[in-house]
């Protein structure tokens, strides 16, 4: 059983007899407390998608839920659902657009290394690879000779995600993005 301080985003934990997916974690260190960090977690129930905000002490023990991660690939959009196909047994997994709204910004039909998180037979979330390659749809024109500069500019990718890129990057370039930090990592190798 991990401590609250060891829980990461998108982890599934058992809380009050329900399986919850952790969507956001904020760490705070209140003044005057003897060494105690607090972790405020925004969690969603995997069954009814109900939201719960709870604060845990760093040393508090939490129980991970019984879940499996299945390698999958993005297949298509069906109304308000994204459909992913299991890469091993071709099972389709339907996930509500709202439940994975943050992750969808990193996904296109070429995205490799995705996993669908399955709890008690139901798909509840997706795990992204550590980095993805996406194409820049729109950014201000590149500046010649700006490659040595540390200045950046916003770039809108084909999925709608906006990231800061160096000034020498231009529209149409395929770039690599860190999915955890939502940061530009470099040009993608073609």
Protein backbone atom coordinates (compact mmCIF):
# COMPACT_ATOMS: atom_id res chain seq x y z
CA UNK A 1 0.00 0.00 0.00
CA UNK A 2 1.53 3.31 -1.04
CA UNK A 3 1.59 6.51 1.00
CA UNK A 4 -0.43 9.49 -0.21
CA UNK A 5 2.85 11.19 -1.18
CA UNK A 6 3.59 8.34 -3.64
CA UNK A 7 0.28 8.50 -5.53
CA UNK A 8 0.49 9.86 -9.09
CA UNK A 9 -2.13 11.38 -11.39
CA UNK A 10 -4.42 8.81 -13.09
CA UNK A 11 -3.80 6.23 -10.35
CA UNK A 12 -6.81 4.19 -9.22
CA UNK A 13 -7.36 3.90 -5.47
CA UNK A 14 -10.03 2.41 -3.25
CA UNK A 15 -11.66 5.11 -1.14
CA UNK A 16 -14.78 4.67 1.02
CA UNK A 17 -15.53 1.35 -0.68
CA UNK A 18 -15.45 2.89 -4.17
CA UNK A 19 -12.82 2.81 -6.91
CA UNK A 20 -11.61 6.33 -7.67
CA UNK A 21 -9.31 7.67 -10.40
CA UNK A 22 -7.02 10.49 -9.21
CA UNK A 23 -7.24 13.30 -11.79
CA UNK A 24 -5.36 16.08 -10.02
CA UNK A 25 -2.98 16.39 -7.06
CA UNK A 26 -1.95 19.57 -5.25
CA UNK A 27 0.79 19.41 -2.63
CA UNK A 28 0.84 22.00 0.13
CA UNK A 29 2.98 22.55 3.20
CA UNK A 30 0.96 24.49 5.78
CA UNK A 31 2.97 26.91 7.92
CA UNK A 32 3.53 25.88 11.50
CA UNK A 33 2.96 22.15 10.98
CA UNK A 34 5.76 19.88 12.04
CA UNK A 35 6.96 18.45 8.73
CA UNK A 36 3.56 17.52 7.37
CA UNK A 37 2.85 17.95 3.69
CA UNK A 38 -0.77 17.68 2.62
CA UNK A 39 -1.95 16.21 -0.68
CA UNK A 40 -5.28 17.46 -1.98
CA UNK A 41 -6.59 15.01 -4.55
CA UNK A 42 -9.46 15.47 -6.99
CA UNK A 43 -10.85 12.02 -7.65
CA UNK A 44 -13.63 10.66 -9.85
CA UNK A 45 -15.71 7.57 -9.18
CA UNK A 46 -15.19 5.03 -11.99
CA UNK A 47 -18.82 3.89 -11.86
CA UNK A 48 -20.86 7.12 -11.76
CA UNK A 49 -18.09 9.70 -12.52
CA UNK A 50 -18.93 11.51 -9.26
CA UNK A 51 -16.27 14.00 -8.13
CA UNK A 52 -14.65 13.85 -4.70
CA UNK A 53 -12.04 16.27 -3.33
CA UNK A 54 -10.09 14.90 -0.39
CA UNK A 55 -6.95 15.93 1.49
CA UNK A 56 -4.51 13.32 2.79
CA UNK A 57 -1.44 13.60 5.01
CA UNK A 58 1.81 12.58 3.26
CA UNK A 59 2.24 9.47 5.42
CA UNK A 60 -1.38 8.30 5.13
CA UNK A 61 -1.63 4.84 3.55
CA UNK A 62 -3.94 4.43 0.53
CA UNK A 63 -5.01 1.21 -1.15
CA UNK A 64 -4.52 0.90 -4.89
CA UNK A 65 -7.54 -0.46 -6.75
CA UNK A 66 -7.47 -3.67 -8.74
CA UNK A 67 -7.02 -2.49 -12.29
CA UNK A 68 -5.39 -3.59 -15.51
CA UNK A 69 -3.79 -1.58 -18.25
CA UNK A 70 -4.42 -2.87 -21.76
CA UNK A 71 -2.26 -1.75 -24.70
CA UNK A 72 -4.58 0.04 -27.12
CA UNK A 73 -4.71 2.40 -30.06
CA UNK A 74 -7.10 5.21 -30.89
CA UNK A 75 -9.71 4.00 -33.36
CA UNK A 76 -12.43 6.62 -33.94
CA UNK A 77 -14.86 9.11 -32.37
CA UNK A 78 -18.50 8.07 -31.98
CA UNK A 79 -20.55 11.10 -30.86
CA UNK A 80 -19.46 11.88 -27.28
CA UNK A 81 -17.28 8.76 -27.01
CA UNK A 82 -13.75 7.97 -28.07
CA UNK A 83 -13.26 4.37 -29.13
CA UNK A 84 -9.94 2.62 -28.53
CA UNK A 85 -9.05 -0.84 -29.85
CA UNK A 86 -7.18 -3.38 -27.71
CA UNK A 87 -3.95 -4.22 -29.55
CA UNK A 88 -3.96 -7.85 -28.40
CA UNK A 89 -7.56 -9.11 -28.59
CA UNK A 90 -9.18 -6.23 -30.57
CA UNK A 91 -11.75 -5.45 -27.86
CA UNK A 92 -13.25 -1.99 -28.42
CA UNK A 93 -13.17 0.32 -25.38
CA UNK A 94 -15.64 3.23 -25.32
CA UNK A 95 -14.62 6.20 -23.16
CA UNK A 96 -16.69 9.33 -22.60
CA UNK A 97 -15.07 12.43 -24.12
CA UNK A 98 -15.50 14.36 -20.86
CA UNK A 99 -13.74 11.70 -18.75
CA UNK A 100 -10.58 11.88 -20.87
CA UNK A 101 -10.75 15.52 -22.02
CA UNK A 102 -7.17 16.31 -20.90
CA UNK A 103 -5.62 13.21 -22.48
CA UNK A 104 -7.48 13.65 -25.79
CA UNK A 105 -5.30 16.69 -26.55
CA UNK A 106 -2.30 14.34 -26.90
CA UNK A 107 -3.98 11.72 -29.09
CA UNK A 108 -4.23 11.30 -32.83
CA UNK A 109 -4.48 8.24 -35.05
CA UNK A 110 -0.66 7.84 -35.04
CA UNK A 111 -0.19 7.90 -31.24
CA UNK A 112 1.74 4.83 -30.06
CA UNK A 113 2.10 3.46 -26.53
CA UNK A 114 -1.42 4.16 -25.22
CA UNK A 115 -3.01 2.01 -22.52
CA UNK A 116 -6.66 1.78 -21.54
CA UNK A 117 -7.16 1.51 -17.77
CA UNK A 118 -9.78 -1.18 -17.03
CA UNK A 119 -11.36 -1.53 -13.57
CA UNK A 120 -13.66 -4.48 -12.94
CA UNK A 121 -14.11 -4.99 -16.69
CA UNK A 122 -15.02 -1.36 -17.48
CA UNK A 123 -12.69 1.09 -19.23
CA UNK A 124 -12.25 4.17 -17.03
CA UNK A 125 -9.28 6.13 -18.32
CA UNK A 126 -6.27 6.10 -20.61
CA UNK A 127 -2.58 6.22 -19.81
CA UNK A 128 -0.49 8.27 -22.19
CA UNK A 129 3.05 7.42 -23.23
CA UNK A 130 5.74 9.71 -21.75
CA UNK A 131 5.98 11.61 -25.04
CA UNK A 132 3.94 11.99 -28.23
CA UNK A 133 4.62 13.39 -31.69
CA UNK A 134 2.17 15.96 -33.03
CA UNK A 135 2.09 18.41 -35.95
CA UNK A 136 1.91 22.18 -35.49
CA UNK A 137 -1.23 23.53 -37.11
CA UNK A 138 -0.64 27.21 -36.41
CA UNK A 139 2.12 29.39 -35.02
CA UNK A 140 3.64 32.76 -35.87
CA UNK A 141 6.25 32.68 -38.68
CA UNK A 142 9.68 31.36 -37.79
CA UNK A 143 12.48 33.84 -37.35
CA UNK A 144 15.68 33.14 -39.30
CA UNK A 145 18.71 32.84 -37.07
CA UNK A 146 16.57 32.45 -33.94
CA UNK A 147 17.73 28.89 -33.22
CA UNK A 148 20.20 30.09 -30.58
CA UNK A 149 17.57 32.21 -28.87
CA UNK A 150 15.82 30.97 -25.75
CA UNK A 151 12.62 32.87 -26.56
CA UNK A 152 9.47 30.92 -27.25
CA UNK A 153 6.12 31.44 -28.94
CA UNK A 154 2.77 29.63 -28.61
CA UNK A 155 1.96 26.92 -31.15
CA UNK A 156 -1.43 25.27 -31.68
CA UNK A 157 -1.18 21.58 -32.56
CA UNK A 158 -3.59 19.59 -34.74
CA UNK A 159 -5.30 18.21 -31.61
CA UNK A 160 -5.98 21.69 -30.18
CA UNK A 161 -3.20 21.53 -27.58
CA UNK A 162 -1.19 24.76 -27.19
CA UNK A 163 2.49 24.57 -26.19
CA UNK A 164 5.41 26.96 -26.14
CA UNK A 165 7.99 26.27 -28.87
CA UNK A 166 11.30 27.91 -29.82
CA UNK A 167 11.07 30.74 -32.35
CA UNK A 168 12.74 28.72 -35.15
CA UNK A 169 9.90 26.14 -35.23
CA UNK A 170 7.23 26.75 -37.89
CA UNK A 171 3.73 25.66 -38.95
CA UNK A 172 3.69 22.10 -40.32
CA UNK A 173 6.64 20.90 -38.23
CA UNK A 174 6.21 17.60 -36.38
CA UNK A 175 7.37 18.00 -32.78
CA UNK A 176 7.80 15.83 -29.70
CA UNK A 177 5.81 16.77 -26.56
CA UNK A 178 6.36 15.59 -22.97
CA UNK A 179 2.87 14.48 -21.84
CA UNK A 180 3.53 14.91 -18.11
CA UNK A 181 4.90 18.45 -18.21
CA UNK A 182 3.16 19.49 -21.48
CA UNK A 183 6.47 20.79 -22.81
CA UNK A 184 8.22 20.91 -26.18
CA UNK A 185 11.06 18.35 -26.31
CA UNK A 186 12.33 18.84 -29.86
CA UNK A 187 11.56 18.13 -33.48
CA UNK A 188 10.28 14.65 -34.20
CA UNK A 189 12.38 12.39 -36.36
CA UNK A 190 10.53 11.89 -39.63
